[in-house]
Amino acid sequence: MFSVVETFPCRGLALDLSAPRIMGIVNTSPDSFHADSRLPSHDAALAHARRLVAEGADLLDIGGQSTRPGYVEISEAEEIARTAPLLRALAAEFPRLPLSIDTYKPAVAAAALEAGAHILNDIHGLQGPGGPELARLAASSGAALVVMHNDPALRHAAPENAPLPAVLAFLRRSLELAAAAGVPRDRIVLDPGIGFGKTQPQNVALLRHLDALHALGCPILLGVSRKSVFGYLVPELATPADRLEATLAATALAVAQGVQLHRVHDVAPARRAALVAAALRPGA
């Protein structure tokens, strides 16, 4: 049974989820894992964001701190300098476009909200050090939340081919934390966290059973664009540059499992793949 959630409110806007929606990735860090998405200047990031909107992005996710394997953490001030001016420019130019800030730092989230962000995207699912404050910011501002599963203990605590119970338990805890802070359930999206704190067999097992996440009653976001799981499945896909077709295949299969939101580097092809997959889904 797929989720029946069809509208996602986010700080005065409402995103229609009756069809698959594409979240375009805008990285302002110089060390993103995908070289083609590195946008170290404001002008380059703004131009890229405009291009993604023209290609059909339904919302944008703005990030200033890379979280690739081996990343180096930057200061809050630097992350704010990378993201807040871009958010402010995009909010002015596209006032009806939902904007997400990809951060786990409350100070960065607060600056992003002041600049016009509508969604807080926390890779620690409110279970990192800044989680309680992020939840309070979402509650007080009316912003929506993306909470992601990210628990490295999963690598050792669960069989490689059966991560789902642990992922569901983690996300239930994230929902409890959000509720305790006053964030309504209808303003929360769940992300299984492909590539974060998991072995490759666990990533694959989750991709095969994304539909199980509907049991939690929230929209689902999948962020698998050009990730290393595709190189694990098909060794010739050795670098992120090689993995567009694999990303499109995974996007289509996720749509078939009822996943509503897809975080991608390549908006136009992902949008087309998602639309075809939705049209071919039984009962469409």
C-alpha atoms as a PDB file:
ATOM      1  CA  MET A   1       0.000   0.000   0.000  1.00  0.00           C
ATOM      2  CA  PHE A   2       1.514   3.314  -1.100  1.00  0.00           C
ATOM      3  CA  SER A   3       1.177   6.521   0.886  1.00  0.00           C
ATOM      4  CA  VAL A   4      -1.908   8.588   0.095  1.00  0.00           C
ATOM      5  CA  VAL A   5      -0.171  11.855   1.022  1.00  0.00           C
ATOM      6  CA  GLU A   6      -0.719  14.203  -1.916  1.00  0.00           C
ATOM      7  CA  THR A   7       0.178  17.640  -0.562  1.00  0.00           C
ATOM      8  CA  PHE A   8       3.295  18.676   1.296  1.00  0.00           C
ATOM      9  CA  PRO A   9       3.043  22.055   3.099  1.00  0.00           C
ATOM     10  CA  CYS A  10       6.279  23.934   3.587  1.00  0.00           C
ATOM     11  CA  ARG A  11       6.271  27.397   5.120  1.00  0.00           C
ATOM     12  CA  GLY A  12       3.411  28.936   3.202  1.00  0.00           C
ATOM     13  CA  LEU A  13       3.833  26.886   0.049  1.00  0.00           C
ATOM     14  CA  ALA A  14       2.227  23.565  -0.842  1.00  0.00           C
ATOM     15  CA  LEU A  15       3.954  20.993  -3.026  1.00  0.00           C
ATOM     16  CA  ASP A  16       1.598  18.750  -4.994  1.00  0.00           C
ATOM     17  CA  LEU A  17       2.728  15.123  -4.607  1.00  0.00           C
ATOM     18  CA  SER A  18       0.108  13.544  -6.851  1.00  0.00           C
ATOM     19  CA  ALA A  19       2.945  13.096  -9.386  1.00  0.00           C
ATOM     20  CA  PRO A  20       6.687  12.487  -8.820  1.00  0.00           C
ATOM     21  CA  ARG A  21       8.581  15.634  -7.897  1.00  0.00           C
ATOM     22  CA  ILE A  22      12.209  16.385  -8.700  1.00  0.00           C
ATOM     23  CA  MET A  23      14.513  18.103  -6.222  1.00  0.00           C
ATOM     24  CA  GLY A  24      17.494  19.651  -7.960  1.00  0.00           C
ATOM     25  CA  ILE A  25      20.852  19.601  -6.169  1.00  0.00           C
ATOM     26  CA  VAL A  26      22.750  22.892  -5.927  1.00  0.00           C
ATOM     27  CA  ASN A  27      26.096  22.438  -4.164  1.00  0.00           C
ATOM     28  CA  THR A  28      28.104  25.511  -3.260  1.00  0.00           C
ATOM     29  CA  SER A  29      30.997  23.456  -1.886  1.00  0.00           C
ATOM     30  CA  PRO A  30      34.190  22.951  -3.906  1.00  0.00           C
ATOM     31  CA  ASP A  31      34.510  19.281  -2.898  1.00  0.00           C
ATOM     32  CA  SER A  32      31.206  17.612  -3.768  1.00  0.00           C
ATOM     33  CA  PHE A  33      31.674  13.935  -4.668  1.00  0.00           C
ATOM     34  CA  HIS A  34      30.368  14.609  -8.208  1.00  0.00           C
ATOM     35  CA  ALA A  35      32.838  16.967  -9.882  1.00  0.00           C
ATOM     36  CA  ASP A  36      30.287  18.381 -12.315  1.00  0.00           C
ATOM     37  CA  SER A  37      28.144  19.632  -9.415  1.00  0.00           C
ATOM     38  CA  ARG A  38      30.872  21.687  -7.733  1.00  0.00           C
ATOM     39  CA  LEU A  39      29.801  25.325  -7.811  1.00  0.00           C
ATOM     40  CA  PRO A  40      32.262  27.294  -5.689  1.00  0.00           C
ATOM     41  CA  SER A  41      31.075  30.789  -6.673  1.00  0.00           C
ATOM     42  CA  HIS A  42      27.751  32.521  -6.065  1.00  0.00           C
ATOM     43  CA  ASP A  43      27.298  33.374  -9.738  1.00  0.00           C
ATOM     44  CA  ALA A  44      27.977  29.786 -10.835  1.00  0.00           C
ATOM     45  CA  ALA A  45      25.546  28.409  -8.254  1.00  0.00           C
ATOM     46  CA  LEU A  46      22.829  30.889  -9.201  1.00  0.00           C
ATOM     47  CA  ALA A  47      23.230  30.115 -12.905  1.00  0.00           C
ATOM     48  CA  HIS A  48      23.087  26.381 -12.184  1.00  0.00           C
ATOM     49  CA  ALA A  49      19.964  26.796 -10.052  1.00  0.00           C
ATOM     50  CA  ARG A  50      18.260  28.765 -12.813  1.00  0.00           C
ATOM     51  CA  ARG A  51      19.150  26.015 -15.274  1.00  0.00           C
ATOM     52  CA  LEU A  52      17.645  23.341 -13.022  1.00  0.00           C
ATOM     53  CA  VAL A  53      14.437  25.351 -12.684  1.00  0.00           C
ATOM     54  CA  ALA A  54      14.270  25.727 -16.467  1.00  0.00           C
ATOM     55  CA  GLU A  55      14.688  21.946 -16.773  1.00  0.00           C
ATOM     56  CA  GLY A  56      11.647  21.384 -14.569  1.00  0.00           C
ATOM     57  CA  ALA A  57      12.892  21.175 -10.972  1.00  0.00           C
ATOM     58  CA  ASP A  58       9.962  21.262  -8.548  1.00  0.00           C
ATOM     59  CA  LEU A  59      12.182  22.311  -5.646  1.00  0.00           C
ATOM     60  CA  LEU A  60      15.874  22.923  -4.982  1.00  0.00           C
ATOM     61  CA  ASP A  61      18.194  21.663  -2.249  1.00  0.00           C
ATOM     62  CA  ILE A  62      20.991  24.111  -1.428  1.00  0.00           C
ATOM     63  CA  GLY A  63      24.092  22.789   0.325  1.00  0.00           C
ATOM     64  CA  GLY A  64      27.340  24.406   1.423  1.00  0.00           C
ATOM     65  CA  GLN A  65      28.914  21.572   3.430  1.00  0.00           C
ATOM     66  CA  SER A  66      29.993  18.469   1.538  1.00  0.00           C
ATOM     67  CA  THR A  67      29.096  15.198   3.286  1.00  0.00           C
ATOM     68  CA  ARG A  68      30.903  12.875   0.900  1.00  0.00           C
ATOM     69  CA  PRO A  69      33.112  10.161   2.433  1.00  0.00           C
ATOM     70  CA  GLY A  70      36.124  11.784   4.046  1.00  0.00           C
ATOM     71  CA  TYR A  71      34.648  15.292   4.002  1.00  0.00           C
ATOM     72  CA  VAL A  72      36.180  18.120   6.000  1.00  0.00           C
ATOM     73  CA  GLU A  73      33.756  20.090   8.158  1.00  0.00           C
ATOM     74  CA  ILE A  74      33.689  23.825   7.579  1.00  0.00           C
ATOM     75  CA  SER A  75      32.687  26.563  10.014  1.00  0.00           C
ATOM     76  CA  GLU A  76      29.112  27.742  10.408  1.00  0.00           C
ATOM     77  CA  ALA A  77      30.156  31.178   9.173  1.00  0.00           C
ATOM     78  CA  GLU A  78      31.603  29.775   5.964  1.00  0.00           C
ATOM     79  CA  GLU A  79      28.586  27.573   5.336  1.00  0.00           C
ATOM     80  CA  ILE A  80      26.256  30.536   5.846  1.00  0.00           C
ATOM     81  CA  ALA A  81      28.351  32.672   3.489  1.00  0.00           C
ATOM     82  CA  ARG A  82      28.068  29.974   0.831  1.00  0.00           C
ATOM     83  CA  THR A  83      24.318  29.372   1.128  1.00  0.00           C
ATOM     84  CA  ALA A  84      22.391  32.346   2.541  1.00  0.00           C
ATOM     85  CA  PRO A  85      23.056  34.798  -0.336  1.00  0.00           C
ATOM     86  CA  LEU A  86      22.068  32.144  -2.875  1.00  0.00           C
ATOM     87  CA  LEU A  87      18.862  31.334  -0.995  1.00  0.00           C
ATOM     88  CA  ARG A  88      18.017  35.014  -0.756  1.00  0.00           C
ATOM     89  CA  ALA A  89      18.504  35.508  -4.503  1.00  0.00           C
ATOM     90  CA  LEU A  90      16.470  32.411  -5.402  1.00  0.00           C
ATOM     91  CA  ALA A  91      13.638  33.291  -3.020  1.00  0.00           C
ATOM     92  CA  ALA A  92      13.364  36.709  -4.650  1.00  0.00           C
ATOM     93  CA  GLU A  93      13.492  35.351  -8.197  1.00  0.00           C
ATOM     94  CA  PHE A  94      11.296  32.268  -7.682  1.00  0.00           C
ATOM     95  CA  PRO A  95       8.888  33.106  -4.827  1.00  0.00           C
ATOM     96  CA  ARG A  96       6.697  30.013  -5.421  1.00  0.00           C
ATOM     97  CA  LEU A  97       9.587  27.545  -5.602  1.00  0.00           C
ATOM     98  CA  PRO A  98      10.238  25.528  -2.416  1.00  0.00           C
ATOM     99  CA  LEU A  99      13.845  25.896  -1.285  1.00  0.00           C
ATOM    100  CA  SER A 100      15.610  23.425   0.996  1.00  0.00           C
ATOM    101  CA  ILE A 101      18.770  23.966   3.029  1.00  0.00           C
ATOM    102  CA  ASP A 102      20.907  20.841   3.358  1.00  0.00           C
ATOM    103  CA  THR A 103      22.497  21.298   6.785  1.00  0.00           C
ATOM    104  CA  TYR A 104      22.737  19.736  10.213  1.00  0.00           C
ATOM    105  CA  LYS A 105      23.841  22.975  11.902  1.00  0.00           C
ATOM    106  CA  PRO A 106      21.157  25.079  13.617  1.00  0.00           C
ATOM    107  CA  ALA A 107      22.925  28.398  13.005  1.00  0.00           C
ATOM    108  CA  VAL A 108      23.095  27.657   9.276  1.00  0.00           C
ATOM    109  CA  ALA A 109      19.445  26.597   9.265  1.00  0.00           C
ATOM    110  CA  ALA A 110      18.394  29.790  11.054  1.00  0.00           C
ATOM    111  CA  ALA A 111      20.264  31.941   8.540  1.00  0.00           C
ATOM    112  CA  ALA A 112      18.718  29.968   5.685  1.00  0.00           C
ATOM    113  CA  LEU A 113      15.215  30.471   7.055  1.00  0.00           C
ATOM    114  CA  GLU A 114      15.879  34.195   7.350  1.00  0.00           C
ATOM    115  CA  ALA A 115      17.033  34.157   3.704  1.00  0.00           C
ATOM    116  CA  GLY A 116      13.835  32.458   2.537  1.00  0.00           C
ATOM    117  CA  ALA A 117      14.265  28.675   2.858  1.00  0.00           C
ATOM    118  CA  HIS A 118      11.151  26.546   3.255  1.00  0.00           C
ATOM    119  CA  ILE A 119      12.613  23.145   4.177  1.00  0.00           C
ATOM    120  CA  LEU A 120      15.331  21.959   6.574  1.00  0.00           C
ATOM    121  CA  ASN A 121      17.104  18.843   5.284  1.00  0.00           C
ATOM    122  CA  ASP A 122      18.960  17.113   8.130  1.00  0.00           C
ATOM    123  CA  ILE A 123      21.191  14.170   7.213  1.00  0.00           C
ATOM    124  CA  HIS A 124      21.155  13.051  10.854  1.00  0.00           C
ATOM    125  CA  GLY A 125      17.377  12.782  11.125  1.00  0.00           C
ATOM    126  CA  LEU A 126      17.220  15.122  14.164  1.00  0.00           C
ATOM    127  CA  GLN A 127      19.409  12.634  16.057  1.00  0.00           C
ATOM    128  CA  GLY A 128      22.665  14.569  15.757  1.00  0.00           C
ATOM    129  CA  PRO A 129      23.874  17.213  18.249  1.00  0.00           C
ATOM    130  CA  GLY A 130      21.885  19.970  16.530  1.00  0.00           C
ATOM    131  CA  GLY A 131      18.732  17.924  16.076  1.00  0.00           C
ATOM    132  CA  PRO A 132      16.583  19.357  18.887  1.00  0.00           C
ATOM    133  CA  GLU A 133      17.272  22.936  17.811  1.00  0.00           C
ATOM    134  CA  LEU A 134      16.605  22.103  14.153  1.00  0.00           C
ATOM    135  CA  ALA A 135      13.249  20.647  15.155  1.00  0.00           C
ATOM    136  CA  ARG A 136      12.407  23.757  17.188  1.00  0.00           C
ATOM    137  CA  LEU A 137      13.356  25.995  14.251  1.00  0.00           C
ATOM    138  CA  ALA A 138      11.068  24.029  11.948  1.00  0.00           C
ATOM    139  CA  ALA A 139       8.224  24.205  14.442  1.00  0.00           C
ATOM    140  CA  SER A 140       8.511  27.946  15.082  1.00  0.00           C
ATOM    141  CA  SER A 141       9.038  28.970  11.453  1.00  0.00           C
ATOM    142  CA  GLY A 142       6.517  26.676   9.762  1.00  0.00           C
ATOM    143  CA  ALA A 143       9.305  25.077   7.741  1.00  0.00           C
ATOM    144  CA  ALA A 144       9.124  21.484   6.626  1.00  0.00           C
ATOM    145  CA  LEU A 145      11.662  18.823   7.561  1.00  0.00           C
ATOM    146  CA  VAL A 146      13.501  16.119   5.667  1.00  0.00           C
ATOM    147  CA  VAL A 147      14.755  13.552   8.179  1.00  0.00           C
ATOM    148  CA  MET A 148      17.278  11.030   6.913  1.00  0.00           C
ATOM    149  CA  HIS A 149      18.382   7.691   8.309  1.00  0.00           C
ATOM    150  CA  ASN A 150      22.072   7.876   9.152  1.00  0.00           C
ATOM    151  CA  ASP A 151      23.338   5.415  11.762  1.00  0.00           C
ATOM    152  CA  PRO A 152      26.767   3.832  11.163  1.00  0.00           C
ATOM    153  CA  ALA A 153      25.968   1.228  13.831  1.00  0.00           C
ATOM    154  CA  LEU A 154      23.670  -0.369  11.268  1.00  0.00           C
ATOM    155  CA  ARG A 155      26.717  -1.721   9.455  1.00  0.00           C
ATOM    156  CA  HIS A 156      27.350  -4.080  12.381  1.00  0.00           C
ATOM    157  CA  ALA A 157      23.998  -4.391  14.160  1.00  0.00           C
ATOM    158  CA  ALA A 158      21.833  -5.724  11.332  1.00  0.00           C
ATOM    159  CA  PRO A 159      22.306  -8.463   8.732  1.00  0.00           C
ATOM    160  CA  GLU A 160      23.517  -6.983   5.478  1.00  0.00           C
ATOM    161  CA  ASN A 161      20.413  -8.107   3.621  1.00  0.00           C
ATOM    162  CA  ALA A 162      17.887  -7.036   6.301  1.00  0.00           C
ATOM    163  CA  PRO A 163      18.416  -3.381   7.297  1.00  0.00           C
ATOM    164  CA  LEU A 164      14.762  -2.363   7.038  1.00  0.00           C
ATOM    165  CA  PRO A 165      13.636  -2.912  10.675  1.00  0.00           C
ATOM    166  CA  ALA A 166      16.506  -0.800  12.002  1.00  0.00           C
ATOM    167  CA  VAL A 167      15.871   1.938   9.441  1.00  0.00           C
ATOM    168  CA  LEU A 168      12.172   2.043  10.309  1.00  0.00           C
ATOM    169  CA  ALA A 169      12.943   2.176  14.035  1.00  0.00           C
ATOM    170  CA  PHE A 170      15.400   5.059  13.525  1.00  0.00           C
ATOM    171  CA  LEU A 171      12.907   7.042  11.446  1.00  0.00           C
ATOM    172  CA  ARG A 172      10.141   6.446  13.993  1.00  0.00           C
ATOM    173  CA  ARG A 173      12.437   7.992  16.593  1.00  0.00           C
ATOM    174  CA  SER A 174      13.013  10.973  14.272  1.00  0.00           C
ATOM    175  CA  LEU A 175       9.256  11.422  13.964  1.00  0.00           C
ATOM    176  CA  GLU A 176       8.907  11.311  17.753  1.00  0.00           C
ATOM    177  CA  LEU A 177      11.556  14.010  18.139  1.00  0.00           C
ATOM    178  CA  ALA A 178       9.837  16.192  15.551  1.00  0.00           C
ATOM    179  CA  ALA A 179       6.461  15.741  17.238  1.00  0.00           C
ATOM    180  CA  ALA A 180       7.924  16.594  20.643  1.00  0.00           C
ATOM    181  CA  ALA A 181       9.143  19.896  19.189  1.00  0.00           C
ATOM    182  CA  GLY A 182       5.746  20.646  17.679  1.00  0.00           C
ATOM    183  CA  VAL A 183       6.372  19.838  14.009  1.00  0.00           C
ATOM    184  CA  PRO A 184       3.188  18.393  12.450  1.00  0.00           C
ATOM    185  CA  ARG A 185       3.549  15.012  10.758  1.00  0.00           C
ATOM    186  CA  ASP A 186       2.315  16.432   7.439  1.00  0.00           C
ATOM    187  CA  ARG A 187       5.413  18.686   7.249  1.00  0.00           C
ATOM    188  CA  ILE A 188       7.903  15.790   7.403  1.00  0.00           C
ATOM    189  CA  VAL A 189       9.557  13.813   4.605  1.00  0.00           C
ATOM    190  CA  LEU A 190      11.524  10.609   5.201  1.00  0.00           C
ATOM    191  CA  ASP A 191      14.800   9.742   3.470  1.00  0.00           C
ATOM    192  CA  PRO A 192      16.251   6.203   3.800  1.00  0.00           C
ATOM    193  CA  GLY A 193      19.778   7.632   3.558  1.00  0.00           C
ATOM    194  CA  ILE A 194      21.242   5.562   0.757  1.00  0.00           C
ATOM    195  CA  GLY A 195      25.032   5.713   1.072  1.00  0.00           C
ATOM    196  CA  PHE A 196      25.069   6.947   4.677  1.00  0.00           C
ATOM    197  CA  GLY A 197      26.127   4.543   7.441  1.00  0.00           C
ATOM    198  CA  LYS A 198      25.366   1.436   5.410  1.00  0.00           C
ATOM    199  CA  THR A 199      27.138  -1.349   3.600  1.00  0.00           C
ATOM    200  CA  GLN A 200      26.506  -1.634  -0.113  1.00  0.00           C
ATOM    201  CA  PRO A 201      24.351  -4.780   0.322  1.00  0.00           C
ATOM    202  CA  GLN A 202      22.252  -2.820   2.820  1.00  0.00           C
ATOM    203  CA  ASN A 203      21.866   0.031   0.332  1.00  0.00           C
ATOM    204  CA  VAL A 204      20.687  -2.447  -2.292  1.00  0.00           C
ATOM    205  CA  ALA A 205      18.252  -4.133   0.107  1.00  0.00           C
ATOM    206  CA  LEU A 206      16.689  -0.764   0.942  1.00  0.00           C
ATOM    207  CA  LEU A 207      16.362   0.212  -2.719  1.00  0.00           C
ATOM    208  CA  ARG A 208      14.453  -3.016  -3.303  1.00  0.00           C
ATOM    209  CA  HIS A 209      12.007  -2.274  -0.467  1.00  0.00           C
ATOM    210  CA  LEU A 210      11.438   1.477  -0.478  1.00  0.00           C
ATOM    211  CA  ASP A 211       7.698   0.871  -0.474  1.00  0.00           C
ATOM    212  CA  ALA A 212       7.957  -0.396   3.133  1.00  0.00           C
ATOM    213  CA  LEU A 213       8.655   3.170   4.270  1.00  0.00           C
ATOM    214  CA  HIS A 214       5.073   4.142   3.412  1.00  0.00           C
ATOM    215  CA  ALA A 215       4.034   2.429   6.653  1.00  0.00           C
ATOM    216  CA  LEU A 216       5.268   5.521   8.523  1.00  0.00           C
ATOM    217  CA  GLY A 217       2.709   7.727   6.776  1.00  0.00           C
ATOM    218  CA  CYS A 218       5.006  10.416   5.373  1.00  0.00           C
ATOM    219  CA  PRO A 219       6.230  11.270   1.884  1.00  0.00           C
ATOM    220  CA  ILE A 220       9.509   9.628   0.880  1.00  0.00           C
ATOM    221  CA  LEU A 221      12.557  11.312  -0.639  1.00  0.00           C
ATOM    222  CA  LEU A 222      15.213   9.267  -2.415  1.00  0.00           C
ATOM    223  CA  GLY A 223      18.729  10.682  -2.767  1.00  0.00           C
ATOM    224  CA  VAL A 224      20.689   8.162  -4.812  1.00  0.00           C
ATOM    225  CA  SER A 225      21.910  10.321  -7.674  1.00  0.00           C
ATOM    226  CA  ARG A 226      25.246   9.070  -9.103  1.00  0.00           C
ATOM    227  CA  LYS A 227      26.179   7.308  -5.835  1.00  0.00           C
ATOM    228  CA  SER A 228      28.697   4.524  -5.319  1.00  0.00           C
ATOM    229  CA  VAL A 229      26.039   1.833  -4.906  1.00  0.00           C
ATOM    230  CA  PHE A 230      25.809   1.784  -8.701  1.00  0.00           C
ATOM    231  CA  GLY A 231      29.521   1.076  -8.987  1.00  0.00           C
ATOM    232  CA  TYR A 232      29.019  -1.795  -6.547  1.00  0.00           C
ATOM    233  CA  LEU A 233      26.220  -3.227  -8.707  1.00  0.00           C
ATOM    234  CA  VAL A 234      27.978  -2.632 -12.032  1.00  0.00           C
ATOM    235  CA  PRO A 235      31.755  -2.283 -11.579  1.00  0.00           C
ATOM    236  CA  GLU A 236      32.253  -0.475 -14.887  1.00  0.00           C
ATOM    237  CA  LEU A 237      30.336   2.468 -13.361  1.00  0.00           C
ATOM    238  CA  ALA A 238      33.515   3.452 -11.593  1.00  0.00           C
ATOM    239  CA  THR A 239      32.996   7.195 -11.130  1.00  0.00           C
ATOM    240  CA  PRO A 240      30.022   9.501 -10.516  1.00  0.00           C
ATOM    241  CA  ALA A 241      30.354  10.724 -14.114  1.00  0.00           C
ATOM    242  CA  ASP A 242      29.493   7.200 -15.321  1.00  0.00           C
ATOM    243  CA  ARG A 243      26.239   6.806 -13.376  1.00  0.00           C
ATOM    244  CA  LEU A 244      23.516   8.850 -15.051  1.00  0.00           C
ATOM    245  CA  GLU A 245      21.714   5.878 -16.633  1.00  0.00           C
ATOM    246  CA  ALA A 246      21.904   3.956 -13.367  1.00  0.00           C
ATOM    247  CA  THR A 247      20.399   6.910 -11.527  1.00  0.00           C
ATOM    248  CA  LEU A 248      17.534   7.066 -14.015  1.00  0.00           C
ATOM    249  CA  ALA A 249      16.868   3.330 -13.641  1.00  0.00           C
ATOM    250  CA  ALA A 250      16.775   3.640  -9.852  1.00  0.00           C
ATOM    251  CA  THR A 251      14.529   6.702 -10.102  1.00  0.00           C
ATOM    252  CA  ALA A 252      12.027   4.848 -12.290  1.00  0.00           C
ATOM    253  CA  LEU A 253      11.993   1.832  -9.979  1.00  0.00           C
ATOM    254  CA  ALA A 254      11.514   4.118  -6.968  1.00  0.00           C
ATOM    255  CA  VAL A 255       8.544   5.786  -8.668  1.00  0.00           C
ATOM    256  CA  ALA A 256       7.088   2.309  -9.190  1.00  0.00           C
ATOM    257  CA  GLN A 257       7.359   1.856  -5.403  1.00  0.00           C
ATOM    258  CA  GLY A 258       5.485   5.095  -4.754  1.00  0.00           C
ATOM    259  CA  VAL A 259       8.429   7.343  -3.874  1.00  0.00           C
ATOM    260  CA  GLN A 260       7.269  10.922  -4.344  1.00  0.00           C
ATOM    261  CA  LEU A 261      10.462  13.020  -4.186  1.00  0.00           C
ATOM    262  CA  HIS A 262      13.737  12.438  -6.020  1.00  0.00           C
ATOM    263  CA  ARG A 263      16.901  14.395  -5.198  1.00  0.00           C
ATOM    264  CA  VAL A 264      19.068  14.458  -8.333  1.00  0.00           C
ATOM    265  CA  HIS A 265      21.913  16.240 -10.070  1.00  0.00           C
ATOM    266  CA  ASP A 266      20.357  15.848 -13.540  1.00  0.00           C
ATOM    267  CA  VAL A 267      16.852  17.294 -13.454  1.00  0.00           C
ATOM    268  CA  ALA A 268      15.665  17.028 -17.065  1.00  0.00           C
ATOM    269  CA  PRO A 269      16.411  13.312 -17.642  1.00  0.00           C
ATOM    270  CA  ALA A 270      15.263  12.352 -14.132  1.00  0.00           C
ATOM    271  CA  ARG A 271      11.990  14.197 -14.635  1.00  0.00           C
ATOM    272  CA  ARG A 272      11.332  12.370 -17.901  1.00  0.00           C
ATOM    273  CA  ALA A 273      12.176   8.983 -16.405  1.00  0.00           C
ATOM    274  CA  ALA A 274       9.917   9.658 -13.425  1.00  0.00           C
ATOM    275  CA  LEU A 275       7.000  10.766 -15.582  1.00  0.00           C
ATOM    276  CA  VAL A 276       7.196   7.666 -17.774  1.00  0.00           C
ATOM    277  CA  ALA A 277       7.491   5.395 -14.746  1.00  0.00           C
ATOM    278  CA  ALA A 278       4.462   7.061 -13.142  1.00  0.00           C
ATOM    279  CA  ALA A 279       2.424   6.704 -16.320  1.00  0.00           C
ATOM    280  CA  LEU A 280       3.245   2.994 -16.549  1.00  0.00           C
ATOM    281  CA  ARG A 281       2.570   2.210 -12.886  1.00  0.00           C
ATOM    282  CA  PRO A 282      -0.373  -0.168 -12.428  1.00  0.00           C
ATOM    283  CA  GLY A 283      -3.536   1.763 -11.822  1.00  0.00           C
ATOM    284  CA  ALA A 284      -2.165   5.013 -13.253  1.00  0.00           C
END
